[in-house]
Amino acid sequence: METIKKEDARKRIVELLNRSLQLEYDFLFGYPRVIDILVNIDKIHDKQIIEAIEVVVKESLIHFDDIDKIIGQLGGKTIWHINVVGWSADVEECLLQLLDKENLVISWYQASKQVAEQSKVKAGGLLSKSTASTDKLSEDFIDVNELIGILDRHIIEEEGHIRLITDAVNKLRMLKNK
């Protein structure tokens, strides 16, 4: 089993993942607000746009939960901070702001993955701790390859979010120009 060799690497990964966690948290509040504006203010009830946003919200919740757990497994503390974003009532503008954040999350996941690959660090407190009955690490630890796999999945899903939201913006533009 590969392990992360430097405490600095674990701290850097935790820092990067905390940044991404804040944006995942923003998504959990931002995207439902977009749906609310879309439906209740703009009176646009397009099923494709709403379903795309709902998929992103559901996956963001999973990402949030995954990253929160990983931060703990790396021996870090989750930083809870609600960012107050100046949302306009313009759905397209809100979606474009969220698209920028989706790209930023990808960059932080990629940076976390790069640090993990370069340092080969195992998460958790004591690097040699294992359970008595098996040679597997306890659930309080994460193997670097597992971490990289989770980050790869999140990157792929975030890229999917970008496609979904870009399509939603394009459809919204089309509906507004009818």
N, C-alpha and C. Protein backbone atom coordinates (compact mmCIF):
# COMPACT_ATOMS: atom_id res chain seq x y z
N MET A 1 0.85 -1.18 0.00
CA MET A 1 0.00 0.00 0.00
C MET A 1 0.89 1.24 0.00
N GLU A 2 0.59 2.16 -0.92
CA GLU A 2 1.40 3.37 -1.01
C GLU A 2 0.96 4.37 0.04
N THR A 3 1.92 5.11 0.54
CA THR A 3 1.61 6.09 1.58
C THR A 3 2.16 7.46 1.22
N ILE A 4 1.54 8.47 1.76
CA ILE A 4 2.02 9.82 1.59
C ILE A 4 3.19 10.00 2.55
N LYS A 5 4.30 10.50 2.06
CA LYS A 5 5.53 10.53 2.84
C LYS A 5 5.75 11.83 3.60
N LYS A 6 5.07 12.87 3.23
CA LYS A 6 5.35 14.16 3.84
C LYS A 6 4.10 14.75 4.49
N GLU A 7 4.26 15.19 5.72
CA GLU A 7 3.15 15.84 6.42
C GLU A 7 2.70 17.09 5.67
N ASP A 8 3.65 17.79 5.07
CA ASP A 8 3.31 18.99 4.30
C ASP A 8 2.37 18.67 3.15
N ALA A 9 2.55 17.50 2.55
CA ALA A 9 1.69 17.09 1.44
C ALA A 9 0.26 16.89 1.94
N ARG A 10 0.11 16.23 3.07
CA ARG A 10 -1.24 16.04 3.62
C ARG A 10 -1.90 17.37 3.93
N LYS A 11 -1.13 18.28 4.51
CA LYS A 11 -1.67 19.60 4.83
C LYS A 11 -2.09 20.34 3.56
N ARG A 12 -1.28 20.23 2.51
CA ARG A 12 -1.60 20.91 1.24
C ARG A 12 -2.85 20.30 0.62
N ILE A 13 -2.97 18.99 0.65
CA ILE A 13 -4.17 18.35 0.11
C ILE A 13 -5.40 18.79 0.90
N VAL A 14 -5.30 18.82 2.21
CA VAL A 14 -6.42 19.26 3.04
C VAL A 14 -6.80 20.70 2.69
N GLU A 15 -5.80 21.55 2.52
CA GLU A 15 -6.06 22.95 2.16
C GLU A 15 -6.82 23.04 0.83
N LEU A 16 -6.33 22.32 -0.17
CA LEU A 16 -6.97 22.34 -1.48
C LEU A 16 -8.38 21.76 -1.43
N LEU A 17 -8.54 20.66 -0.69
CA LEU A 17 -9.86 20.04 -0.60
C LEU A 17 -10.83 20.91 0.19
N ASN A 18 -10.35 21.63 1.18
CA ASN A 18 -11.21 22.57 1.88
C ASN A 18 -11.70 23.68 0.96
N ARG A 19 -10.84 24.12 0.07
CA ARG A 19 -11.26 25.13 -0.92
C ARG A 19 -12.36 24.57 -1.81
N SER A 20 -12.15 23.34 -2.29
CA SER A 20 -13.16 22.73 -3.15
C SER A 20 -14.45 22.48 -2.39
N LEU A 21 -14.31 22.12 -1.12
CA LEU A 21 -15.48 21.86 -0.29
C LEU A 21 -16.36 23.10 -0.17
N GLN A 22 -15.73 24.25 -0.03
CA GLN A 22 -16.49 25.50 0.07
C GLN A 22 -17.32 25.74 -1.19
N LEU A 23 -16.75 25.44 -2.34
CA LEU A 23 -17.50 25.64 -3.58
C LEU A 23 -18.59 24.59 -3.74
N GLU A 24 -18.30 23.35 -3.34
CA GLU A 24 -19.36 22.33 -3.38
C GLU A 24 -20.52 22.77 -2.49
N TYR A 25 -20.20 23.37 -1.35
CA TYR A 25 -21.22 23.88 -0.44
C TYR A 25 -22.00 25.01 -1.12
N ASP A 26 -21.29 25.89 -1.82
CA ASP A 26 -21.96 26.96 -2.57
C ASP A 26 -22.92 26.37 -3.61
N PHE A 27 -22.50 25.28 -4.27
CA PHE A 27 -23.35 24.66 -5.28
C PHE A 27 -24.66 24.16 -4.66
N LEU A 28 -24.55 23.61 -3.44
CA LEU A 28 -25.73 23.07 -2.78
C LEU A 28 -26.78 24.14 -2.53
N PHE A 29 -26.34 25.38 -2.36
CA PHE A 29 -27.28 26.49 -2.15
C PHE A 29 -27.52 27.28 -3.42
N GLY A 30 -26.51 27.40 -4.26
CA GLY A 30 -26.62 28.23 -5.46
C GLY A 30 -27.53 27.65 -6.51
N TYR A 31 -27.35 26.38 -6.83
CA TYR A 31 -28.14 25.79 -7.90
C TYR A 31 -29.64 25.73 -7.57
N PRO A 32 -30.06 25.35 -6.37
CA PRO A 32 -31.50 25.41 -6.08
C PRO A 32 -32.05 26.83 -6.18
N ARG A 33 -31.22 27.80 -5.83
CA ARG A 33 -31.67 29.20 -5.96
C ARG A 33 -31.89 29.53 -7.44
N VAL A 34 -31.03 29.03 -8.31
CA VAL A 34 -31.19 29.25 -9.74
C VAL A 34 -32.51 28.65 -10.22
N ILE A 35 -32.83 27.44 -9.76
CA ILE A 35 -34.10 26.81 -10.13
C ILE A 35 -35.26 27.67 -9.66
N ASP A 36 -35.17 28.16 -8.44
CA ASP A 36 -36.23 29.01 -7.89
C ASP A 36 -36.43 30.27 -8.75
N ILE A 37 -35.35 30.93 -9.10
CA ILE A 37 -35.45 32.13 -9.94
C ILE A 37 -36.01 31.77 -11.31
N LEU A 38 -35.51 30.68 -11.87
CA LEU A 38 -35.94 30.24 -13.19
C LEU A 38 -37.45 29.99 -13.24
N VAL A 39 -37.94 29.26 -12.25
CA VAL A 39 -39.35 28.86 -12.23
C VAL A 39 -40.26 29.97 -11.72
N ASN A 40 -39.89 30.60 -10.61
CA ASN A 40 -40.81 31.54 -9.96
C ASN A 40 -40.69 32.98 -10.42
N ILE A 41 -39.55 33.37 -10.96
CA ILE A 41 -39.41 34.75 -11.43
C ILE A 41 -39.48 34.80 -12.95
N ASP A 42 -38.66 33.96 -13.59
CA ASP A 42 -38.62 33.97 -15.06
C ASP A 42 -39.76 33.18 -15.69
N LYS A 43 -40.44 32.37 -14.88
CA LYS A 43 -41.56 31.53 -15.34
C LYS A 43 -41.15 30.59 -16.48
N ILE A 44 -39.95 30.08 -16.36
CA ILE A 44 -39.44 29.10 -17.32
C ILE A 44 -39.46 27.74 -16.62
N HIS A 45 -40.23 26.82 -17.17
CA HIS A 45 -40.39 25.51 -16.56
C HIS A 45 -39.81 24.42 -17.48
N ASP A 46 -38.63 24.69 -18.02
CA ASP A 46 -38.01 23.75 -18.94
C ASP A 46 -37.45 22.56 -18.17
N LYS A 47 -37.99 21.38 -18.48
CA LYS A 47 -37.62 20.16 -17.78
C LYS A 47 -36.14 19.82 -17.94
N GLN A 48 -35.59 20.01 -19.14
CA GLN A 48 -34.19 19.68 -19.40
C GLN A 48 -33.26 20.54 -18.54
N ILE A 49 -33.52 21.82 -18.44
CA ILE A 49 -32.68 22.71 -17.64
C ILE A 49 -32.77 22.35 -16.16
N ILE A 50 -33.99 22.17 -15.69
CA ILE A 50 -34.20 21.87 -14.26
C ILE A 50 -33.56 20.54 -13.89
N GLU A 51 -33.76 19.51 -14.72
CA GLU A 51 -33.16 18.20 -14.43
C GLU A 51 -31.64 18.25 -14.45
N ALA A 52 -31.07 19.02 -15.36
CA ALA A 52 -29.60 19.15 -15.41
C ALA A 52 -29.09 19.77 -14.11
N ILE A 53 -29.76 20.80 -13.65
CA ILE A 53 -29.34 21.46 -12.41
C ILE A 53 -29.51 20.51 -11.23
N GLU A 54 -30.59 19.76 -11.21
CA GLU A 54 -30.82 18.81 -10.11
C GLU A 54 -29.75 17.73 -10.06
N VAL A 55 -29.30 17.25 -11.22
CA VAL A 55 -28.22 16.26 -11.27
C VAL A 55 -26.95 16.84 -10.64
N VAL A 56 -26.65 18.09 -10.99
CA VAL A 56 -25.45 18.74 -10.46
C VAL A 56 -25.55 18.88 -8.94
N VAL A 57 -26.74 19.24 -8.44
CA VAL A 57 -26.93 19.39 -6.99
C VAL A 57 -26.72 18.05 -6.29
N LYS A 58 -27.31 16.99 -6.82
CA LYS A 58 -27.17 15.66 -6.20
C LYS A 58 -25.72 15.21 -6.18
N GLU A 59 -25.01 15.39 -7.28
CA GLU A 59 -23.61 14.98 -7.32
C GLU A 59 -22.75 15.87 -6.44
N SER A 60 -23.08 17.15 -6.35
CA SER A 60 -22.33 18.06 -5.47
C SER A 60 -22.48 17.65 -4.01
N LEU A 61 -23.64 17.16 -3.65
CA LEU A 61 -23.85 16.67 -2.29
C LEU A 61 -22.96 15.46 -2.01
N ILE A 62 -22.86 14.56 -2.97
CA ILE A 62 -21.99 13.40 -2.83
C ILE A 62 -20.53 13.85 -2.74
N HIS A 63 -20.14 14.79 -3.59
CA HIS A 63 -18.76 15.30 -3.56
C HIS A 63 -18.47 15.94 -2.21
N PHE A 64 -19.41 16.72 -1.72
CA PHE A 64 -19.24 17.38 -0.43
C PHE A 64 -19.00 16.34 0.66
N ASP A 65 -19.82 15.31 0.68
CA ASP A 65 -19.69 14.26 1.69
C ASP A 65 -18.36 13.52 1.55
N ASP A 66 -18.00 13.16 0.32
CA ASP A 66 -16.72 12.47 0.08
C ASP A 66 -15.54 13.30 0.57
N ILE A 67 -15.51 14.55 0.18
CA ILE A 67 -14.37 15.42 0.51
C ILE A 67 -14.31 15.68 2.01
N ASP A 68 -15.46 15.85 2.64
CA ASP A 68 -15.49 16.04 4.09
C ASP A 68 -14.85 14.83 4.79
N LYS A 69 -15.19 13.62 4.34
CA LYS A 69 -14.62 12.40 4.92
C LYS A 69 -13.12 12.30 4.66
N ILE A 70 -12.71 12.62 3.44
CA ILE A 70 -11.29 12.53 3.09
C ILE A 70 -10.47 13.49 3.94
N ILE A 71 -10.98 14.70 4.13
CA ILE A 71 -10.26 15.68 4.95
C ILE A 71 -10.03 15.10 6.35
N GLY A 72 -11.05 14.47 6.93
CA GLY A 72 -10.90 13.84 8.24
C GLY A 72 -9.90 12.69 8.21
N GLN A 73 -9.95 11.89 7.14
CA GLN A 73 -9.02 10.77 7.02
C GLN A 73 -7.58 11.24 6.84
N LEU A 74 -7.41 12.44 6.33
CA LEU A 74 -6.07 13.01 6.17
C LEU A 74 -5.61 13.70 7.45
N GLY A 75 -6.42 13.65 8.48
CA GLY A 75 -6.06 14.26 9.75
C GLY A 75 -6.36 15.74 9.81
N GLY A 76 -7.10 16.24 8.83
CA GLY A 76 -7.44 17.67 8.79
C GLY A 76 -8.80 17.94 9.37
N LYS A 77 -9.12 19.19 9.42
CA LYS A 77 -10.43 19.63 9.91
C LYS A 77 -11.14 20.35 8.77
N THR A 78 -12.41 20.01 8.62
CA THR A 78 -13.21 20.67 7.61
C THR A 78 -13.46 22.12 8.03
N ILE A 79 -13.24 23.02 7.11
CA ILE A 79 -13.50 24.44 7.37
C ILE A 79 -14.88 24.77 6.82
N TRP A 80 -15.76 25.15 7.72
CA TRP A 80 -17.13 25.50 7.34
C TRP A 80 -17.21 27.01 7.20
N HIS A 81 -17.55 27.42 6.03
CA HIS A 81 -17.69 28.85 5.77
C HIS A 81 -18.71 29.03 4.67
N ILE A 82 -19.71 29.83 4.94
CA ILE A 82 -20.71 30.11 3.92
C ILE A 82 -20.27 31.36 3.19
N ASN A 83 -20.01 31.22 1.90
CA ASN A 83 -19.64 32.37 1.08
C ASN A 83 -20.90 33.11 0.68
N VAL A 84 -20.89 34.38 0.92
CA VAL A 84 -22.01 35.21 0.50
C VAL A 84 -21.69 35.71 -0.90
N VAL A 85 -22.43 35.19 -1.85
CA VAL A 85 -22.20 35.53 -3.24
C VAL A 85 -23.27 36.52 -3.67
N GLY A 86 -22.86 37.52 -4.37
CA GLY A 86 -23.82 38.51 -4.86
C GLY A 86 -24.59 37.98 -6.06
N TRP A 87 -25.64 37.24 -5.77
CA TRP A 87 -26.44 36.65 -6.84
C TRP A 87 -27.38 37.69 -7.42
N SER A 88 -27.47 37.67 -8.72
CA SER A 88 -28.46 38.52 -9.38
C SER A 88 -29.70 37.67 -9.62
N ALA A 89 -30.73 38.32 -10.07
CA ALA A 89 -31.95 37.59 -10.40
C ALA A 89 -31.89 37.06 -11.82
N ASP A 90 -30.75 37.28 -12.48
CA ASP A 90 -30.57 36.80 -13.85
C ASP A 90 -30.01 35.38 -13.81
N VAL A 91 -30.79 34.42 -14.25
CA VAL A 91 -30.41 33.01 -14.18
C VAL A 91 -29.15 32.74 -14.99
N GLU A 92 -29.08 33.32 -16.16
CA GLU A 92 -27.90 33.08 -16.99
C GLU A 92 -26.63 33.56 -16.28
N GLU A 93 -26.68 34.73 -15.69
CA GLU A 93 -25.52 35.25 -14.96
C GLU A 93 -25.15 34.34 -13.79
N CYS A 94 -26.16 33.88 -13.06
CA CYS A 94 -25.91 32.96 -11.93
C CYS A 94 -25.25 31.67 -12.42
N LEU A 95 -25.76 31.12 -13.50
CA LEU A 95 -25.20 29.88 -14.04
C LEU A 95 -23.77 30.09 -14.52
N LEU A 96 -23.50 31.22 -15.13
CA LEU A 96 -22.14 31.51 -15.59
C LEU A 96 -21.17 31.65 -14.41
N GLN A 97 -21.64 32.26 -13.31
CA GLN A 97 -20.81 32.34 -12.10
C GLN A 97 -20.52 30.94 -11.56
N LEU A 98 -21.55 30.10 -11.55
CA LEU A 98 -21.38 28.73 -11.05
C LEU A 98 -20.47 27.92 -11.98
N LEU A 99 -20.53 28.17 -13.28
CA LEU A 99 -19.62 27.50 -14.21
C LEU A 99 -18.16 27.84 -13.90
N ASP A 100 -17.91 29.11 -13.60
CA ASP A 100 -16.55 29.51 -13.21
C ASP A 100 -16.09 28.73 -11.98
N LYS A 101 -17.00 28.56 -11.03
CA LYS A 101 -16.66 27.82 -9.81
C LYS A 101 -16.45 26.34 -10.09
N GLU A 102 -17.22 25.78 -11.02
CA GLU A 102 -17.04 24.37 -11.39
C GLU A 102 -15.62 24.18 -11.93
N ASN A 103 -15.16 25.10 -12.77
CA ASN A 103 -13.80 25.01 -13.31
C ASN A 103 -12.76 25.14 -12.21
N LEU A 104 -13.01 26.00 -11.24
CA LEU A 104 -12.09 26.18 -10.12
C LEU A 104 -12.01 24.91 -9.27
N VAL A 105 -13.14 24.27 -9.03
CA VAL A 105 -13.16 23.02 -8.27
C VAL A 105 -12.31 21.96 -8.98
N ILE A 106 -12.46 21.88 -10.29
CA ILE A 106 -11.66 20.92 -11.06
C ILE A 106 -10.17 21.19 -10.84
N SER A 107 -9.78 22.46 -10.90
CA SER A 107 -8.36 22.78 -10.74
C SER A 107 -7.86 22.39 -9.36
N TRP A 108 -8.69 22.54 -8.33
CA TRP A 108 -8.26 22.16 -6.98
C TRP A 108 -8.21 20.65 -6.81
N TYR A 109 -9.15 19.94 -7.44
CA TYR A 109 -9.09 18.48 -7.40
C TYR A 109 -7.83 17.99 -8.13
N GLN A 110 -7.53 18.61 -9.28
CA GLN A 110 -6.33 18.21 -10.03
C GLN A 110 -5.06 18.51 -9.23
N ALA A 111 -5.02 19.65 -8.57
CA ALA A 111 -3.84 20.00 -7.76
C ALA A 111 -3.70 19.02 -6.59
N SER A 112 -4.81 18.65 -5.96
CA SER A 112 -4.78 17.68 -4.85
C SER A 112 -4.25 16.34 -5.35
N LYS A 113 -4.74 15.93 -6.49
CA LYS A 113 -4.30 14.67 -7.09
C LYS A 113 -2.80 14.70 -7.38
N GLN A 114 -2.32 15.81 -7.91
CA GLN A 114 -0.91 15.94 -8.23
C GLN A 114 -0.04 15.85 -6.98
N VAL A 115 -0.47 16.52 -5.91
CA VAL A 115 0.29 16.45 -4.64
C VAL A 115 0.31 15.01 -4.14
N ALA A 116 -0.83 14.35 -4.19
CA ALA A 116 -0.91 12.95 -3.72
C ALA A 116 0.00 12.05 -4.55
N GLU A 117 -0.03 12.22 -5.87
CA GLU A 117 0.81 11.38 -6.74
C GLU A 117 2.29 11.61 -6.49
N GLN A 118 2.67 12.85 -6.25
CA GLN A 118 4.09 13.18 -6.08
C GLN A 118 4.62 12.74 -4.72
N SER A 119 3.76 12.74 -3.71
CA SER A 119 4.26 12.48 -2.37
C SER A 119 3.93 11.09 -1.84
N LYS A 120 2.99 10.41 -2.48
CA LYS A 120 2.59 9.07 -2.06
C LYS A 120 2.29 9.00 -0.56
N VAL A 121 1.29 9.77 -0.16
CA VAL A 121 0.95 9.88 1.26
C VAL A 121 -0.30 9.07 1.56
N LYS A 122 -0.30 8.44 2.71
CA LYS A 122 -1.47 7.75 3.22
C LYS A 122 -2.11 8.65 4.26
N ALA A 123 -3.43 8.73 4.26
CA ALA A 123 -4.11 9.60 5.21
C ALA A 123 -4.17 8.96 6.59
N GLY A 124 -4.45 9.76 7.57
CA GLY A 124 -4.68 9.27 8.92
C GLY A 124 -3.62 9.74 9.88
N GLY A 125 -3.79 9.37 11.12
CA GLY A 125 -2.88 9.81 12.17
C GLY A 125 -1.56 9.08 12.16
N LEU A 126 -1.55 7.84 12.54
CA LEU A 126 -0.32 7.05 12.59
C LEU A 126 -0.16 6.32 11.26
N LEU A 127 0.94 6.55 10.59
CA LEU A 127 1.11 5.99 9.25
C LEU A 127 1.15 4.46 9.24
N SER A 128 1.48 3.83 10.34
CA SER A 128 1.58 2.37 10.34
C SER A 128 0.38 1.68 10.98
N LYS A 129 -0.64 2.45 11.34
CA LYS A 129 -1.79 1.87 12.05
C LYS A 129 -2.60 0.95 11.13
N SER A 130 -2.87 -0.26 11.58
CA SER A 130 -3.75 -1.16 10.85
C SER A 130 -4.62 -1.91 11.87
N THR A 131 -5.67 -2.50 11.38
CA THR A 131 -6.54 -3.23 12.29
C THR A 131 -5.88 -4.54 12.70
N ALA A 132 -6.24 -5.04 13.86
CA ALA A 132 -5.60 -6.24 14.40
C ALA A 132 -5.98 -7.49 13.62
N SER A 133 -7.24 -7.60 13.20
CA SER A 133 -7.70 -8.84 12.59
C SER A 133 -7.38 -8.94 11.11
N THR A 134 -7.11 -7.84 10.45
CA THR A 134 -6.78 -7.89 9.02
C THR A 134 -5.60 -6.97 8.75
N ASP A 135 -5.07 -7.08 7.58
CA ASP A 135 -3.99 -6.18 7.19
C ASP A 135 -4.52 -4.93 6.50
N LYS A 136 -5.81 -4.75 6.49
CA LYS A 136 -6.39 -3.55 5.88
C LYS A 136 -6.31 -2.39 6.86
N LEU A 137 -6.27 -1.22 6.29
CA LEU A 137 -6.28 -0.03 7.14
C LEU A 137 -7.67 0.16 7.70
N SER A 138 -7.74 0.78 8.85
CA SER A 138 -9.05 1.07 9.42
C SER A 138 -9.76 2.10 8.55
N GLU A 139 -11.05 2.29 8.78
CA GLU A 139 -11.84 3.24 8.00
C GLU A 139 -11.38 4.68 8.22
N ASP A 140 -10.55 4.92 9.21
CA ASP A 140 -10.04 6.27 9.46
C ASP A 140 -8.88 6.62 8.54
N PHE A 141 -8.52 5.72 7.64
CA PHE A 141 -7.40 5.94 6.75
C PHE A 141 -7.87 5.82 5.31
N ILE A 142 -7.11 6.41 4.42
CA ILE A 142 -7.41 6.28 3.00
C ILE A 142 -6.10 6.04 2.25
N ASP A 143 -6.10 5.06 1.40
CA ASP A 143 -4.94 4.75 0.58
C ASP A 143 -4.81 5.84 -0.49
N VAL A 144 -3.59 6.18 -0.86
CA VAL A 144 -3.36 7.24 -1.84
C VAL A 144 -4.01 6.89 -3.17
N ASN A 145 -3.98 5.62 -3.55
CA ASN A 145 -4.61 5.23 -4.82
C ASN A 145 -6.13 5.38 -4.76
N GLU A 146 -6.70 5.11 -3.59
CA GLU A 146 -8.14 5.33 -3.41
C GLU A 146 -8.46 6.82 -3.50
N LEU A 147 -7.63 7.64 -2.87
CA LEU A 147 -7.80 9.09 -2.92
C LEU A 147 -7.75 9.58 -4.36
N ILE A 148 -6.75 9.13 -5.11
CA ILE A 148 -6.61 9.53 -6.51
C ILE A 148 -7.81 9.07 -7.32
N GLY A 149 -8.30 7.87 -7.05
CA GLY A 149 -9.49 7.37 -7.74
C GLY A 149 -10.72 8.23 -7.48
N ILE A 150 -10.91 8.62 -6.22
CA ILE A 150 -12.05 9.48 -5.88
C ILE A 150 -11.91 10.83 -6.57
N LEU A 151 -10.71 11.39 -6.54
CA LEU A 151 -10.49 12.68 -7.20
C LEU A 151 -10.70 12.58 -8.70
N ASP A 152 -10.24 11.49 -9.32
CA ASP A 152 -10.48 11.27 -10.75
C ASP A 152 -11.98 11.25 -11.05
N ARG A 153 -12.73 10.52 -10.22
CA ARG A 153 -14.19 10.44 -10.43
C ARG A 153 -14.81 11.82 -10.29
N HIS A 154 -14.39 12.57 -9.28
CA HIS A 154 -14.95 13.91 -9.08
C HIS A 154 -14.62 14.84 -10.24
N ILE A 155 -13.40 14.73 -10.75
CA ILE A 155 -13.01 15.57 -11.90
C ILE A 155 -13.90 15.25 -13.10
N ILE A 156 -14.10 13.98 -13.37
CA ILE A 156 -14.95 13.57 -14.49
C ILE A 156 -16.38 14.08 -14.29
N GLU A 157 -16.88 13.94 -13.08
CA GLU A 157 -18.25 14.42 -12.81
C GLU A 157 -18.35 15.93 -12.89
N GLU A 158 -17.32 16.64 -12.43
CA GLU A 158 -17.33 18.11 -12.54
C GLU A 158 -17.31 18.53 -14.02
N GLU A 159 -16.54 17.82 -14.83
CA GLU A 159 -16.54 18.09 -16.27
C GLU A 159 -17.93 17.86 -16.86
N GLY A 160 -18.61 16.84 -16.35
CA GLY A 160 -20.00 16.60 -16.76
C GLY A 160 -20.91 17.73 -16.32
N HIS A 161 -20.68 18.27 -15.11
CA HIS A 161 -21.47 19.41 -14.64
C HIS A 161 -21.30 20.59 -15.59
N ILE A 162 -20.08 20.81 -16.01
CA ILE A 162 -19.81 21.93 -16.92
C ILE A 162 -20.59 21.75 -18.22
N ARG A 163 -20.60 20.53 -18.75
CA ARG A 163 -21.36 20.28 -19.98
C ARG A 163 -22.86 20.48 -19.76
N LEU A 164 -23.37 19.96 -18.64
CA LEU A 164 -24.80 20.11 -18.34
C LEU A 164 -25.19 21.57 -18.20
N ILE A 165 -24.40 22.32 -17.45
CA ILE A 165 -24.74 23.72 -17.21
C ILE A 165 -24.53 24.55 -18.46
N THR A 166 -23.50 24.25 -19.25
CA THR A 166 -23.31 24.95 -20.52
C THR A 166 -24.51 24.71 -21.44
N ASP A 167 -24.97 23.46 -21.51
CA ASP A 167 -26.15 23.15 -22.31
C ASP A 167 -27.38 23.89 -21.78
N ALA A 168 -27.51 23.96 -20.45
CA ALA A 168 -28.63 24.67 -19.84
C ALA A 168 -28.59 26.16 -20.19
N VAL A 169 -27.39 26.75 -20.15
CA VAL A 169 -27.25 28.17 -20.51
C VAL A 169 -27.64 28.37 -21.97
N ASN A 170 -27.18 27.49 -22.84
CA ASN A 170 -27.50 27.61 -24.27
C ASN A 170 -29.00 27.47 -24.51
N LYS A 171 -29.63 26.52 -23.84
CA LYS A 171 -31.08 26.34 -23.99
C LYS A 171 -31.83 27.54 -23.43
N LEU A 172 -31.36 28.06 -22.30
CA LEU A 172 -31.98 29.24 -21.70
C LEU A 172 -31.91 30.43 -22.66
N ARG A 173 -30.77 30.61 -23.28
CA ARG A 173 -30.61 31.69 -24.29
C ARG A 173 -31.59 31.50 -25.42
N MET A 174 -31.73 30.26 -25.87
CA MET A 174 -32.65 29.96 -26.96
C MET A 174 -34.10 30.27 -26.55
N LEU A 175 -34.47 29.88 -25.35
CA LEU A 175 -35.83 30.13 -24.87
C LEU A 175 -36.10 31.63 -24.72
N LYS A 176 -35.12 32.37 -24.27
CA LYS A 176 -35.28 33.82 -24.08
C LYS A 176 -35.36 34.56 -25.41
N ASN A 177 -34.76 33.98 -26.46
CA ASN A 177 -34.73 34.65 -27.77
C ASN A 177 -35.90 34.24 -28.68
N LYS A 178 -36.82 33.47 -28.15
CA LYS A 178 -37.99 33.05 -28.96
C LYS A 178 -38.90 34.20 -29.23
